[in-house]
C-alpha cells in the first residue's frame, strides 16, 4: 500500500465524464526517498499535484474546442493532467509535464481508466534545463502563478520550449502574480492578451479567472 490515500471521482468536461483517481485530500504526504524534496517541492505543496482544481476543469473544457491541428502541444504543471487527457482523447500531439515524482503514474493510471493510450510525459522542472523536452507550438497551463518567485522562472522555462511561432495560454484564477509574469514574458518578446474565463464550472460551482495568452510569430488560432 502507498503511504497516501486516494479517492475516485467523476469529472465532467464538456458532455463527457472522466473517471479520475486523485488524492483523498490536501493533507496527504509521502516522500520516503526524498524525491519530491529534491525537486524543490515542500511538504505543504506535496499534495497539490493530485487534486482536481477548478482552473484545471476550466482549461480542460477550453481544450475541447481549441484548434490543435498540426500543433505540438505541452501542458506544464499538469498535475492530474485533465487538459492532457482531453487533448489525448481528441488525438492531439500532447506531452504532459510536471516535476512531482508521482505525476506520471497518476496520469497514466487515469488515461487507462478513461480508455485512452498512455500520455507522453516529460519532466518539467522550471528551474532546470531539459533539452530533450524540445519545442512546442502551443503550451498550456492552469493555476501556475501561485508563488511570487515563479513568474520569472516560468517565463524562462516557457521561452526555452516555445517554437518560433508559438502560443502560450495560462489560466490564472487571480493569484496576484499576473502582472509580474506578463512583464517577464513581454521582456522576452511575447505579445499579450487577456480574456475572462467561464464564470461557472461544469459542476455548477462559480469560477473567477482569466485566460492569459502570450504569442510570438505568426499564430494559426
Foldseek 3Di string as FASTA:
>chain_A
DAQFAWDWDWQDAPNHTFIAIFGPDQQTFDDVPCQCVVLVQDRNRQRVLRDDDQQLSLLLNVLLPDDQPPWQEEEESCRLNSNQLSCQVVVHNYEYEYAHPCNQVRNQVSCVSRVGHRHHYDYQRLQDDDVVVAATAEYEYEQPCQDQVVLLSNLVSNVVHHDQWHKYKYKHQCNPNVVVNVVNNVVVPWDWDKDWTDQAGPVGHGGGIMIIMTTHDDDDD
